[in-house]
Amino acid sequence: EVLIRRAAASGAEVIEECRVREVEFPGANAGAHVHAEHAGGRTESWRARYVIDASGRDTFLGNRLNAKHRNRKHNSSAMYAHFTGAHRYPDCKRAGDISIYWFEHGWLWFIPLLDGATSVGAVVWPYYMKDRARALREFFLDTIALCAPLAARLENAQLISEVEATGNYSYCCDRSYGDAFLLVGDAYTFIDPMFSSGVMLAMNNAVAAAETIDVCLRDPARKAAALQRFDRLMRHGPEAYSWFIYRVTNPTLRDLFMNPRNILRMKEALLSLLAGDIFGNTPIWASLRAFKALYYLLSLANLRRSLGAARRRSVNIQPTDRTAAG
């Protein structure tokens, strides 16, 4: 809502209560034909030189071009809802801090919101969601009860929204652009909400897409180079975060996160990564490589534990017939 109102205020023509039904690409350098349907049933079509797919997890073009594929390295389901009356840190500087809790079947989040509500969610392995045999609301509350520290913060809280669930959501499209289109944000890829990086990446993608299209239209001779640069930028963010996401339930990484030290400025680099400072000139990459090297050394030092964790994860990410239902 904030983004679309800002776009309108900046001069973009915003058409609401209208759904795109089809996008056709006639041929090379011929742009696109966009066909849409308004709320009242009236249809309308436009010819566009470029289409930017910002449809999020609907992945409009990814689905129609058969470009969307399940991420075989990750697989999770999620349940989430809003509460009021949740216990926040009394220190005003920490009252808005996001809290993450590990538990046997995945991890949980606690995100204080500005309006006084708190977003609480559980990201779990598919088998856990499949095995539930009760209503989603009851199952969600029972899941929270498995984590005593989180349950204590919600002891006097009230659920103020419907519990929602989603499953098998980790995916990537095999291309970020075509002759007359670009994919941005979740329309291109989504891995996991662990680091709350989605909006930041989408905004960065949008700026990159606008700059890329500007080059393509103004200087067609530079089109190929501009699109390749755009593709590199699109891959950079997910690649930077995915290494950590794939290992976030690993005991070695958990130990490092829970006992941070700033050796070789590793802690500073991680904080920069988590803050979204991955597209600028902040010198974080050498420190992140050192952190990964330390992770691998500690994994070798605890080889039996590491192998056990790897085996469990390989089993846990296997797809199931049902991972989420209302």
C-alpha atoms as a PDB file:
ATOM      1  CA  GLU A   1       0.000   0.000   0.000  1.00  0.00           C
ATOM      2  CA  VAL A   2       2.764   2.450   0.945  1.00  0.00           C
ATOM      3  CA  LEU A   3       4.755   1.681  -2.190  1.00  0.00           C
ATOM      4  CA  ILE A   4       1.848   1.958  -4.619  1.00  0.00           C
ATOM      5  CA  ARG A   5       0.686   5.269  -3.117  1.00  0.00           C
ATOM      6  CA  ARG A   6       4.215   6.604  -3.364  1.00  0.00           C
ATOM      7  CA  ALA A   7       4.386   5.505  -6.994  1.00  0.00           C
ATOM      8  CA  ALA A   8       1.129   7.311  -7.744  1.00  0.00           C
ATOM      9  CA  ALA A   9       2.354  10.467  -6.017  1.00  0.00           C
ATOM     10  CA  SER A  10       5.514  10.321  -8.124  1.00  0.00           C
ATOM     11  CA  GLY A  11       3.563  10.293 -11.373  1.00  0.00           C
ATOM     12  CA  ALA A  12       2.873   6.635 -12.114  1.00  0.00           C
ATOM     13  CA  GLU A  13      -0.571   5.809 -13.477  1.00  0.00           C
ATOM     14  CA  VAL A  14      -2.092   3.317 -11.037  1.00  0.00           C
ATOM     15  CA  ILE A  15      -5.029   1.189 -12.204  1.00  0.00           C
ATOM     16  CA  GLU A  16      -6.741  -0.609  -9.326  1.00  0.00           C
ATOM     17  CA  GLU A  17      -9.304  -3.422  -9.212  1.00  0.00           C
ATOM     18  CA  CYS A  18      -7.869  -4.714 -12.444  1.00  0.00           C
ATOM     19  CA  ARG A  19      -6.178  -8.080 -12.996  1.00  0.00           C
ATOM     20  CA  VAL A  20      -3.784  -8.963 -15.787  1.00  0.00           C
ATOM     21  CA  ARG A  21      -5.018 -12.106 -17.524  1.00  0.00           C
ATOM     22  CA  GLU A  22      -2.439 -12.603 -20.254  1.00  0.00           C
ATOM     23  CA  VAL A  23       0.789 -11.159 -21.621  1.00  0.00           C
ATOM     24  CA  GLU A  24       1.793 -11.883 -25.213  1.00  0.00           C
ATOM     25  CA  PHE A  25       5.217 -11.376 -26.735  1.00  0.00           C
ATOM     26  CA  PRO A  26       4.815 -11.100 -30.543  1.00  0.00           C
ATOM     27  CA  GLY A  27       8.509 -11.433 -31.337  1.00  0.00           C
ATOM     28  CA  ALA A  28      11.985  -9.964 -30.993  1.00  0.00           C
ATOM     29  CA  ASN A  29      11.992  -6.219 -30.328  1.00  0.00           C
ATOM     30  CA  ALA A  30       8.185  -6.115 -30.713  1.00  0.00           C
ATOM     31  CA  GLY A  31       7.352  -5.348 -27.079  1.00  0.00           C
ATOM     32  CA  ALA A  32       4.401  -6.998 -25.359  1.00  0.00           C
ATOM     33  CA  HIS A  33       0.612  -7.031 -25.432  1.00  0.00           C
ATOM     34  CA  VAL A  34      -0.967  -6.950 -21.978  1.00  0.00           C
ATOM     35  CA  HIS A  35      -4.580  -8.098 -21.579  1.00  0.00           C
ATOM     36  CA  ALA A  36      -6.430  -7.322 -18.346  1.00  0.00           C
ATOM     37  CA  GLU A  37      -9.884  -7.547 -16.815  1.00  0.00           C
ATOM     38  CA  HIS A  38     -11.448  -4.866 -14.616  1.00  0.00           C
ATOM     39  CA  ALA A  39     -13.573  -5.660 -11.565  1.00  0.00           C
ATOM     40  CA  GLY A  40     -16.799  -5.127 -13.489  1.00  0.00           C
ATOM     41  CA  GLY A  41     -15.797  -7.571 -16.212  1.00  0.00           C
ATOM     42  CA  ARG A  42     -14.643  -5.012 -18.756  1.00  0.00           C
ATOM     43  CA  THR A  43     -11.468  -6.059 -20.589  1.00  0.00           C
ATOM     44  CA  GLU A  44      -8.692  -3.791 -21.734  1.00  0.00           C
ATOM     45  CA  SER A  45      -5.402  -4.267 -23.568  1.00  0.00           C
ATOM     46  CA  TRP A  46      -2.210  -2.273 -23.848  1.00  0.00           C
ATOM     47  CA  ARG A  47       0.916  -2.474 -25.932  1.00  0.00           C
ATOM     48  CA  ALA A  48       4.060  -2.057 -23.841  1.00  0.00           C
ATOM     49  CA  ARG A  49       7.678  -1.764 -24.808  1.00  0.00           C
ATOM     50  CA  TYR A  50       8.621  -3.556 -21.581  1.00  0.00           C
ATOM     51  CA  VAL A  51       6.711  -5.434 -18.890  1.00  0.00           C
ATOM     52  CA  ILE A  52       8.004  -5.577 -15.316  1.00  0.00           C
ATOM     53  CA  ASP A  53       6.541  -8.513 -13.414  1.00  0.00           C
ATOM     54  CA  ALA A  54       6.190  -7.403  -9.801  1.00  0.00           C
ATOM     55  CA  SER A  55       3.408  -9.898  -9.048  1.00  0.00           C
ATOM     56  CA  GLY A  56       5.230 -11.332  -6.042  1.00  0.00           C
ATOM     57  CA  ARG A  57       4.639 -14.960  -5.188  1.00  0.00           C
ATOM     58  CA  ASP A  58       1.891 -15.142  -7.801  1.00  0.00           C
ATOM     59  CA  THR A  59       4.859 -15.341 -10.218  1.00  0.00           C
ATOM     60  CA  PHE A  60       2.648 -14.377 -13.157  1.00  0.00           C
ATOM     61  CA  LEU A  61       5.212 -14.632 -15.958  1.00  0.00           C
ATOM     62  CA  GLY A  62       7.263 -17.331 -14.262  1.00  0.00           C
ATOM     63  CA  ASN A  63       4.250 -19.649 -14.339  1.00  0.00           C
ATOM     64  CA  ARG A  64       3.214 -18.821 -17.886  1.00  0.00           C
ATOM     65  CA  LEU A  65       6.727 -19.206 -19.270  1.00  0.00           C
ATOM     66  CA  ASN A  66       7.333 -22.438 -17.317  1.00  0.00           C
ATOM     67  CA  ALA A  67      10.348 -20.709 -15.814  1.00  0.00           C
ATOM     68  CA  LYS A  68       9.475 -21.273 -12.140  1.00  0.00           C
ATOM     69  CA  HIS A  69      11.099 -24.251 -10.405  1.00  0.00           C
ATOM     70  CA  ARG A  70      11.065 -25.594  -6.873  1.00  0.00           C
ATOM     71  CA  ASN A  71      14.240 -24.896  -4.935  1.00  0.00           C
ATOM     72  CA  ARG A  72      15.658 -28.361  -4.317  1.00  0.00           C
ATOM     73  CA  LYS A  73      18.069 -27.042  -1.686  1.00  0.00           C
ATOM     74  CA  HIS A  74      15.345 -25.732   0.603  1.00  0.00           C
ATOM     75  CA  ASN A  75      11.771 -26.564   1.499  1.00  0.00           C
ATOM     76  CA  SER A  76       9.696 -25.133   4.319  1.00  0.00           C
ATOM     77  CA  SER A  77       6.132 -24.423   5.326  1.00  0.00           C
ATOM     78  CA  ALA A  78       4.953 -21.496   7.408  1.00  0.00           C
ATOM     79  CA  MET A  79       2.100 -20.537   9.744  1.00  0.00           C
ATOM     80  CA  TYR A  80       1.606 -16.999  10.996  1.00  0.00           C
ATOM     81  CA  ALA A  81      -0.812 -14.618  12.700  1.00  0.00           C
ATOM     82  CA  HIS A  82      -1.003 -11.357  14.658  1.00  0.00           C
ATOM     83  CA  PHE A  83      -1.342 -11.030  18.431  1.00  0.00           C
ATOM     84  CA  THR A  84      -2.047  -8.131  20.757  1.00  0.00           C
ATOM     85  CA  GLY A  85      -0.757  -7.883  24.313  1.00  0.00           C
ATOM     86  CA  ALA A  86       2.477  -9.785  23.649  1.00  0.00           C
ATOM     87  CA  HIS A  87       5.328  -9.075  26.042  1.00  0.00           C
ATOM     88  CA  ARG A  88       7.969  -6.805  24.543  1.00  0.00           C
ATOM     89  CA  TYR A  89      11.354  -5.915  25.960  1.00  0.00           C
ATOM     90  CA  PRO A  90      10.932  -3.151  28.577  1.00  0.00           C
ATOM     91  CA  ASP A  91      13.984  -1.301  27.260  1.00  0.00           C
ATOM     92  CA  CYS A  92      12.563   1.160  24.715  1.00  0.00           C
ATOM     93  CA  LYS A  93      15.643   0.713  22.531  1.00  0.00           C
ATOM     94  CA  ARG A  94      14.923  -3.018  22.243  1.00  0.00           C
ATOM     95  CA  ALA A  95      11.123  -2.947  22.290  1.00  0.00           C
ATOM     96  CA  GLY A  96      10.956  -3.242  18.520  1.00  0.00           C
ATOM     97  CA  ASP A  97      13.645  -5.912  18.173  1.00  0.00           C
ATOM     98  CA  ILE A  98      12.808  -9.000  16.146  1.00  0.00           C
ATOM     99  CA  SER A  99      13.285 -12.262  18.037  1.00  0.00           C
ATOM    100  CA  ILE A 100      14.066 -15.633  16.463  1.00  0.00           C
ATOM    101  CA  TYR A 101      13.576 -18.945  18.284  1.00  0.00           C
ATOM    102  CA  TRP A 102      14.824 -22.345  17.214  1.00  0.00           C
ATOM    103  CA  PHE A 103      12.840 -25.451  18.043  1.00  0.00           C
ATOM    104  CA  GLU A 104      12.828 -29.092  17.016  1.00  0.00           C
ATOM    105  CA  HIS A 105      10.784 -28.681  13.846  1.00  0.00           C
ATOM    106  CA  GLY A 106      12.195 -25.402  12.530  1.00  0.00           C
ATOM    107  CA  TRP A 107      12.168 -21.857  13.866  1.00  0.00           C
ATOM    108  CA  LEU A 108       9.717 -19.179  15.020  1.00  0.00           C
ATOM    109  CA  TRP A 109       9.628 -15.408  14.681  1.00  0.00           C
ATOM    110  CA  PHE A 110       8.366 -12.639  16.967  1.00  0.00           C
ATOM    111  CA  ILE A 111       8.118  -9.262  15.198  1.00  0.00           C
ATOM    112  CA  PRO A 112       6.752  -6.239  17.125  1.00  0.00           C
ATOM    113  CA  LEU A 113       4.738  -3.940  14.842  1.00  0.00           C
ATOM    114  CA  LEU A 114       4.314  -0.189  15.119  1.00  0.00           C
ATOM    115  CA  ASP A 115       0.550  -0.371  15.758  1.00  0.00           C
ATOM    116  CA  GLY A 116       1.050  -2.449  18.905  1.00  0.00           C
ATOM    117  CA  ALA A 117       0.344  -5.816  17.315  1.00  0.00           C
ATOM    118  CA  THR A 118       2.964  -8.537  17.059  1.00  0.00           C
ATOM    119  CA  SER A 119       3.521 -10.828  14.102  1.00  0.00           C
ATOM    120  CA  VAL A 120       4.275 -14.385  15.194  1.00  0.00           C
ATOM    121  CA  GLY A 121       5.068 -17.187  12.809  1.00  0.00           C
ATOM    122  CA  ALA A 122       6.516 -20.667  12.603  1.00  0.00           C
ATOM    123  CA  VAL A 123       8.654 -21.862   9.705  1.00  0.00           C
ATOM    124  CA  VAL A 124       8.660 -25.641   9.828  1.00  0.00           C
ATOM    125  CA  TRP A 125       9.784 -28.632   7.832  1.00  0.00           C
ATOM    126  CA  PRO A 126       7.110 -30.009   5.478  1.00  0.00           C
ATOM    127  CA  TYR A 127       6.704 -33.291   7.382  1.00  0.00           C
ATOM    128  CA  TYR A 128       5.606 -31.383  10.483  1.00  0.00           C
ATOM    129  CA  MET A 129       2.800 -29.600   8.667  1.00  0.00           C
ATOM    130  CA  LYS A 130       1.713 -32.753   6.871  1.00  0.00           C
ATOM    131  CA  ASP A 131       1.343 -34.706  10.101  1.00  0.00           C
ATOM    132  CA  ARG A 132      -1.047 -32.273  11.771  1.00  0.00           C
ATOM    133  CA  ALA A 133      -4.458 -33.766  12.544  1.00  0.00           C
ATOM    134  CA  ARG A 134      -6.343 -30.735  13.889  1.00  0.00           C
ATOM    135  CA  ALA A 135      -7.527 -27.290  12.881  1.00  0.00           C
ATOM    136  CA  LEU A 136      -4.830 -24.850  11.802  1.00  0.00           C
ATOM    137  CA  ARG A 137      -5.495 -22.405  14.648  1.00  0.00           C
ATOM    138  CA  GLU A 138      -5.146 -25.099  17.295  1.00  0.00           C
ATOM    139  CA  PHE A 139      -2.098 -26.560  15.563  1.00  0.00           C
ATOM    140  CA  PHE A 140      -0.418 -23.141  15.421  1.00  0.00           C
ATOM    141  CA  LEU A 141      -1.005 -22.455  19.117  1.00  0.00           C
ATOM    142  CA  ASP A 142       0.230 -25.940  20.001  1.00  0.00           C
ATOM    143  CA  THR A 143       3.361 -25.263  17.947  1.00  0.00           C
ATOM    144  CA  ILE A 144       4.036 -22.052  19.868  1.00  0.00           C
ATOM    145  CA  ALA A 145       3.633 -24.014  23.113  1.00  0.00           C
ATOM    146  CA  LEU A 146       6.588 -26.194  22.074  1.00  0.00           C
ATOM    147  CA  CYS A 147       8.876 -23.175  22.522  1.00  0.00           C
ATOM    148  CA  ALA A 148       8.724 -22.151  26.180  1.00  0.00           C
ATOM    149  CA  PRO A 149      10.453 -18.731  25.833  1.00  0.00           C
ATOM    150  CA  LEU A 150       8.076 -17.650  23.062  1.00  0.00           C
ATOM    151  CA  ALA A 151       5.031 -19.088  24.818  1.00  0.00           C
ATOM    152  CA  ALA A 152       5.934 -17.045  27.908  1.00  0.00           C
ATOM    153  CA  ARG A 153       5.938 -13.820  25.874  1.00  0.00           C
ATOM    154  CA  LEU A 154       2.467 -14.672  24.545  1.00  0.00           C
ATOM    155  CA  GLU A 155       1.017 -15.869  27.853  1.00  0.00           C
ATOM    156  CA  ASN A 156      -1.313 -12.851  28.177  1.00  0.00           C
ATOM    157  CA  ALA A 157      -1.651 -12.126  24.462  1.00  0.00           C
ATOM    158  CA  GLN A 158      -4.756 -12.459  22.319  1.00  0.00           C
ATOM    159  CA  LEU A 159      -4.908 -13.730  18.766  1.00  0.00           C
ATOM    160  CA  ILE A 160      -6.408 -10.928  16.637  1.00  0.00           C
ATOM    161  CA  SER A 161      -6.167 -12.355  13.127  1.00  0.00           C
ATOM    162  CA  GLU A 162      -6.841 -15.531  11.258  1.00  0.00           C
ATOM    163  CA  VAL A 163      -3.988 -18.011  11.248  1.00  0.00           C
ATOM    164  CA  GLU A 164      -2.656 -18.378   7.728  1.00  0.00           C
ATOM    165  CA  ALA A 165      -0.415 -21.051   6.269  1.00  0.00           C
ATOM    166  CA  THR A 166       1.646 -21.563   3.175  1.00  0.00           C
ATOM    167  CA  GLY A 167       3.811 -24.412   2.012  1.00  0.00           C
ATOM    168  CA  ASN A 168       6.483 -25.385  -0.493  1.00  0.00           C
ATOM    169  CA  TYR A 169       7.243 -21.727  -1.058  1.00  0.00           C
ATOM    170  CA  SER A 170      10.955 -21.827  -1.908  1.00  0.00           C
ATOM    171  CA  TYR A 171      11.418 -21.383  -5.644  1.00  0.00           C
ATOM    172  CA  CYS A 172      13.410 -19.603  -8.335  1.00  0.00           C
ATOM    173  CA  CYS A 173      12.760 -18.731 -11.966  1.00  0.00           C
ATOM    174  CA  ASP A 174      15.380 -19.881 -14.456  1.00  0.00           C
ATOM    175  CA  ARG A 175      15.595 -16.411 -16.004  1.00  0.00           C
ATOM    176  CA  SER A 176      15.238 -12.863 -14.697  1.00  0.00           C
ATOM    177  CA  TYR A 177      14.552 -11.201 -18.036  1.00  0.00           C
ATOM    178  CA  GLY A 178      13.500 -11.730 -21.632  1.00  0.00           C
ATOM    179  CA  ASP A 179      13.334  -9.675 -24.786  1.00  0.00           C
ATOM    180  CA  ALA A 180      10.557  -7.441 -23.419  1.00  0.00           C
ATOM    181  CA  PHE A 181      10.192  -8.297 -19.731  1.00  0.00           C
ATOM    182  CA  LEU A 182      11.999  -8.287 -16.408  1.00  0.00           C
ATOM    183  CA  LEU A 183      11.140 -10.098 -13.170  1.00  0.00           C
ATOM    184  CA  VAL A 184      11.654  -8.345  -9.837  1.00  0.00           C
ATOM    185  CA  GLY A 185      11.306  -9.320  -6.188  1.00  0.00           C
ATOM    186  CA  ASP A 186       9.389 -12.473  -5.337  1.00  0.00           C
ATOM    187  CA  ALA A 187       8.210 -12.728  -8.950  1.00  0.00           C
ATOM    188  CA  TYR A 188      11.764 -13.955  -9.623  1.00  0.00           C
ATOM    189  CA  THR A 189      12.674 -15.915  -6.511  1.00  0.00           C
ATOM    190  CA  PHE A 190      11.763 -16.547  -2.894  1.00  0.00           C
ATOM    191  CA  ILE A 191      13.785 -18.652  -0.479  1.00  0.00           C
ATOM    192  CA  ASP A 192      12.753 -18.073   3.131  1.00  0.00           C
ATOM    193  CA  PRO A 193      11.598 -15.186   5.367  1.00  0.00           C
ATOM    194  CA  MET A 194      14.432 -15.806   7.842  1.00  0.00           C
ATOM    195  CA  PHE A 195      16.236 -12.479   7.447  1.00  0.00           C
ATOM    196  CA  SER A 196      13.225 -10.327   6.437  1.00  0.00           C
ATOM    197  CA  SER A 197      15.104  -9.233   3.322  1.00  0.00           C
ATOM    198  CA  GLY A 198      12.225  -9.437   0.845  1.00  0.00           C
ATOM    199  CA  VAL A 199      11.161  -5.778   0.684  1.00  0.00           C
ATOM    200  CA  MET A 200      14.763  -4.556   0.587  1.00  0.00           C
ATOM    201  CA  LEU A 201      15.619  -6.909  -2.281  1.00  0.00           C
ATOM    202  CA  ALA A 202      12.433  -6.009  -4.157  1.00  0.00           C
ATOM    203  CA  MET A 203      13.161  -2.285  -3.875  1.00  0.00           C
ATOM    204  CA  ASN A 204      16.718  -2.796  -5.085  1.00  0.00           C
ATOM    205  CA  ASN A 205      15.444  -4.971  -7.936  1.00  0.00           C
ATOM    206  CA  ALA A 206      12.959  -2.266  -8.925  1.00  0.00           C
ATOM    207  CA  VAL A 207      15.633   0.425  -9.117  1.00  0.00           C
ATOM    208  CA  ALA A 208      17.866  -1.905 -11.141  1.00  0.00           C
ATOM    209  CA  ALA A 209      14.966  -2.748 -13.475  1.00  0.00           C
ATOM    210  CA  ALA A 210      14.159   0.925 -14.094  1.00  0.00           C
ATOM    211  CA  GLU A 211      17.798   1.721 -14.821  1.00  0.00           C
ATOM    212  CA  THR A 212      18.097  -1.303 -17.110  1.00  0.00           C
ATOM    213  CA  ILE A 213      15.012  -0.450 -19.150  1.00  0.00           C
ATOM    214  CA  ASP A 214      16.195   3.143 -19.453  1.00  0.00           C
ATOM    215  CA  VAL A 215      19.469   1.939 -20.984  1.00  0.00           C
ATOM    216  CA  CYS A 216      17.697  -0.529 -23.283  1.00  0.00           C
ATOM    217  CA  LEU A 217      15.364   2.145 -24.653  1.00  0.00           C
ATOM    218  CA  ARG A 218      17.893   4.946 -24.916  1.00  0.00           C
ATOM    219  CA  ASP A 219      20.844   2.957 -26.227  1.00  0.00           C
ATOM    220  CA  PRO A 220      19.828  -0.384 -27.814  1.00  0.00           C
ATOM    221  CA  ALA A 221      23.471  -1.174 -28.550  1.00  0.00           C
ATOM    222  CA  ARG A 222      24.031  -1.569 -24.795  1.00  0.00           C
ATOM    223  CA  LYS A 223      20.902  -3.669 -24.243  1.00  0.00           C
ATOM    224  CA  ALA A 224      22.635  -7.049 -23.931  1.00  0.00           C
ATOM    225  CA  ALA A 225      25.212  -5.757 -21.448  1.00  0.00           C
ATOM    226  CA  ALA A 226      22.540  -3.960 -19.404  1.00  0.00           C
ATOM    227  CA  LEU A 227      20.382  -7.083 -19.159  1.00  0.00           C
ATOM    228  CA  GLN A 228      23.356  -9.229 -18.127  1.00  0.00           C
ATOM    229  CA  ARG A 229      24.228  -6.734 -15.409  1.00  0.00           C
ATOM    230  CA  PHE A 230      20.609  -6.794 -14.236  1.00  0.00           C
ATOM    231  CA  ASP A 231      20.699 -10.587 -14.062  1.00  0.00           C
ATOM    232  CA  ARG A 232      23.873 -10.510 -11.948  1.00  0.00           C
ATOM    233  CA  LEU A 233      22.245  -8.059  -9.538  1.00  0.00           C
ATOM    234  CA  MET A 234      19.125 -10.224  -9.325  1.00  0.00           C
ATOM    235  CA  ARG A 235      21.182 -13.269  -8.393  1.00  0.00           C
ATOM    236  CA  HIS A 236      23.504 -11.465  -5.994  1.00  0.00           C
ATOM    237  CA  GLY A 237      21.013 -10.865  -3.186  1.00  0.00           C
ATOM    238  CA  PRO A 238      19.513 -14.366  -2.992  1.00  0.00           C
ATOM    239  CA  GLU A 239      22.976 -15.920  -3.232  1.00  0.00           C
ATOM    240  CA  ALA A 240      24.271 -13.745  -0.389  1.00  0.00           C
ATOM    241  CA  TYR A 241      21.476 -14.830   1.953  1.00  0.00           C
ATOM    242  CA  SER A 242      20.878 -18.411   0.818  1.00  0.00           C
ATOM    243  CA  TRP A 243      24.154 -19.753   2.254  1.00  0.00           C
ATOM    244  CA  PHE A 244      22.969 -18.751   5.721  1.00  0.00           C
ATOM    245  CA  ILE A 245      19.338 -19.755   5.166  1.00  0.00           C
ATOM    246  CA  TYR A 246      20.319 -23.287   4.151  1.00  0.00           C
ATOM    247  CA  ARG A 247      22.315 -23.653   7.374  1.00  0.00           C
ATOM    248  CA  VAL A 248      20.250 -21.665   9.860  1.00  0.00           C
ATOM    249  CA  THR A 249      19.070 -24.783  11.718  1.00  0.00           C
ATOM    250  CA  ASN A 250      22.567 -26.280  11.736  1.00  0.00           C
ATOM    251  CA  PRO A 251      23.981 -26.482  15.285  1.00  0.00           C
ATOM    252  CA  THR A 252      27.368 -25.098  14.223  1.00  0.00           C
ATOM    253  CA  LEU A 253      25.869 -21.955  12.723  1.00  0.00           C
ATOM    254  CA  ARG A 254      23.544 -21.646  15.693  1.00  0.00           C
ATOM    255  CA  ASP A 255      26.540 -21.722  18.039  1.00  0.00           C
ATOM    256  CA  LEU A 256      28.269 -19.004  16.028  1.00  0.00           C
ATOM    257  CA  PHE A 257      25.171 -16.817  15.985  1.00  0.00           C
ATOM    258  CA  MET A 258      24.535 -17.225  19.703  1.00  0.00           C
ATOM    259  CA  ASN A 259      28.166 -16.545  20.664  1.00  0.00           C
ATOM    260  CA  PRO A 260      29.224 -13.751  18.279  1.00  0.00           C
ATOM    261  CA  ARG A 261      32.806 -12.509  18.208  1.00  0.00           C
ATOM    262  CA  ASN A 262      34.234  -9.813  15.992  1.00  0.00           C
ATOM    263  CA  ILE A 263      37.326 -11.714  14.873  1.00  0.00           C
ATOM    264  CA  LEU A 264      38.431 -10.302  11.512  1.00  0.00           C
ATOM    265  CA  ARG A 265      35.357  -8.046  11.729  1.00  0.00           C
ATOM    266  CA  MET A 266      33.075 -11.042  11.183  1.00  0.00           C
ATOM    267  CA  LYS A 267      30.342  -9.695  13.465  1.00  0.00           C
ATOM    268  CA  GLU A 268      30.343  -6.331  11.687  1.00  0.00           C
ATOM    269  CA  ALA A 269      30.110  -8.054   8.316  1.00  0.00           C
ATOM    270  CA  LEU A 270      27.191 -10.206   9.449  1.00  0.00           C
ATOM    271  CA  LEU A 271      25.345  -7.185  10.819  1.00  0.00           C
ATOM    272  CA  SER A 272      25.868  -5.389   7.509  1.00  0.00           C
ATOM    273  CA  LEU A 273      24.526  -8.414   5.656  1.00  0.00           C
ATOM    274  CA  LEU A 274      21.466  -8.639   7.898  1.00  0.00           C
ATOM    275  CA  ALA A 275      20.883  -4.895   7.515  1.00  0.00           C
ATOM    276  CA  GLY A 276      20.808  -5.287   3.738  1.00  0.00           C
ATOM    277  CA  ASP A 277      24.127  -3.576   3.043  1.00  0.00           C
ATOM    278  CA  ILE A 278      25.139  -5.964   0.267  1.00  0.00           C
ATOM    279  CA  PHE A 279      24.970  -3.785  -2.837  1.00  0.00           C
ATOM    280  CA  GLY A 280      27.271  -0.958  -1.797  1.00  0.00           C
ATOM    281  CA  ASN A 281      30.986  -0.636  -1.207  1.00  0.00           C
ATOM    282  CA  THR A 282      31.100  -1.698   2.447  1.00  0.00           C
ATOM    283  CA  PRO A 283      34.048  -4.137   2.690  1.00  0.00           C
ATOM    284  CA  ILE A 284      32.200  -7.134   4.135  1.00  0.00           C
ATOM    285  CA  TRP A 285      33.013  -9.961   1.744  1.00  0.00           C
ATOM    286  CA  ALA A 286      36.468 -10.915   3.036  1.00  0.00           C
ATOM    287  CA  SER A 287      35.085 -11.087   6.576  1.00  0.00           C
ATOM    288  CA  LEU A 288      32.124 -13.184   5.421  1.00  0.00           C
ATOM    289  CA  ARG A 289      34.491 -15.594   3.677  1.00  0.00           C
ATOM    290  CA  ALA A 290      36.461 -15.848   6.916  1.00  0.00           C
ATOM    291  CA  PHE A 291      33.222 -16.550   8.800  1.00  0.00           C
ATOM    292  CA  LYS A 292      32.339 -19.344   6.379  1.00  0.00           C
ATOM    293  CA  ALA A 293      35.838 -20.800   6.716  1.00  0.00           C
ATOM    294  CA  LEU A 294      35.433 -20.790  10.506  1.00  0.00           C
ATOM    295  CA  TYR A 295      32.061 -22.501  10.108  1.00  0.00           C
ATOM    296  CA  TYR A 296      33.595 -25.291   8.027  1.00  0.00           C
ATOM    297  CA  LEU A 297      36.499 -25.740  10.458  1.00  0.00           C
ATOM    298  CA  LEU A 298      34.138 -26.024  13.419  1.00  0.00           C
ATOM    299  CA  SER A 299      31.967 -28.432  11.451  1.00  0.00           C
ATOM    300  CA  LEU A 300      35.000 -30.644  10.860  1.00  0.00           C
ATOM    301  CA  ALA A 301      35.915 -30.427  14.531  1.00  0.00           C
ATOM    302  CA  ASN A 302      32.420 -31.728  15.352  1.00  0.00           C
ATOM    303  CA  LEU A 303      32.163 -34.063  12.390  1.00  0.00           C
ATOM    304  CA  ARG A 304      29.685 -36.542  13.848  1.00  0.00           C
ATOM    305  CA  ARG A 305      27.280 -33.789  14.870  1.00  0.00           C
ATOM    306  CA  SER A 306      27.693 -32.063  11.503  1.00  0.00           C
ATOM    307  CA  LEU A 307      27.017 -35.218   9.508  1.00  0.00           C
ATOM    308  CA  GLY A 308      23.966 -35.969  11.618  1.00  0.00           C
ATOM    309  CA  ALA A 309      22.607 -32.461  11.036  1.00  0.00           C
ATOM    310  CA  ALA A 310      23.228 -32.750   7.293  1.00  0.00           C
ATOM    311  CA  ARG A 311      21.398 -36.083   7.131  1.00  0.00           C
ATOM    312  CA  ARG A 312      18.436 -34.721   9.075  1.00  0.00           C
ATOM    313  CA  ARG A 313      18.190 -31.694   6.824  1.00  0.00           C
ATOM    314  CA  SER A 314      18.333 -33.791   3.650  1.00  0.00           C
ATOM    315  CA  VAL A 315      15.363 -35.771   4.966  1.00  0.00           C
ATOM    316  CA  ASN A 316      13.495 -32.738   6.295  1.00  0.00           C
ATOM    317  CA  ILE A 317      13.502 -30.813   3.001  1.00  0.00           C
ATOM    318  CA  GLN A 318      11.924 -33.624   1.027  1.00  0.00           C
ATOM    319  CA  PRO A 319       8.578 -32.558  -0.488  1.00  0.00           C
ATOM    320  CA  THR A 320       5.340 -34.016   0.836  1.00  0.00           C
ATOM    321  CA  ASP A 321       1.890 -34.361  -0.664  1.00  0.00           C
ATOM    322  CA  ARG A 322       0.440 -31.769   1.696  1.00  0.00           C
ATOM    323  CA  THR A 323       2.378 -29.082   3.552  1.00  0.00           C
ATOM    324  CA  ALA A 324      -0.273 -26.482   4.318  1.00  0.00           C
ATOM    325  CA  ALA A 325      -4.014 -26.274   4.471  1.00  0.00           C
ATOM    326  CA  GLY A 326      -6.530 -23.960   6.044  1.00  0.00           C
END
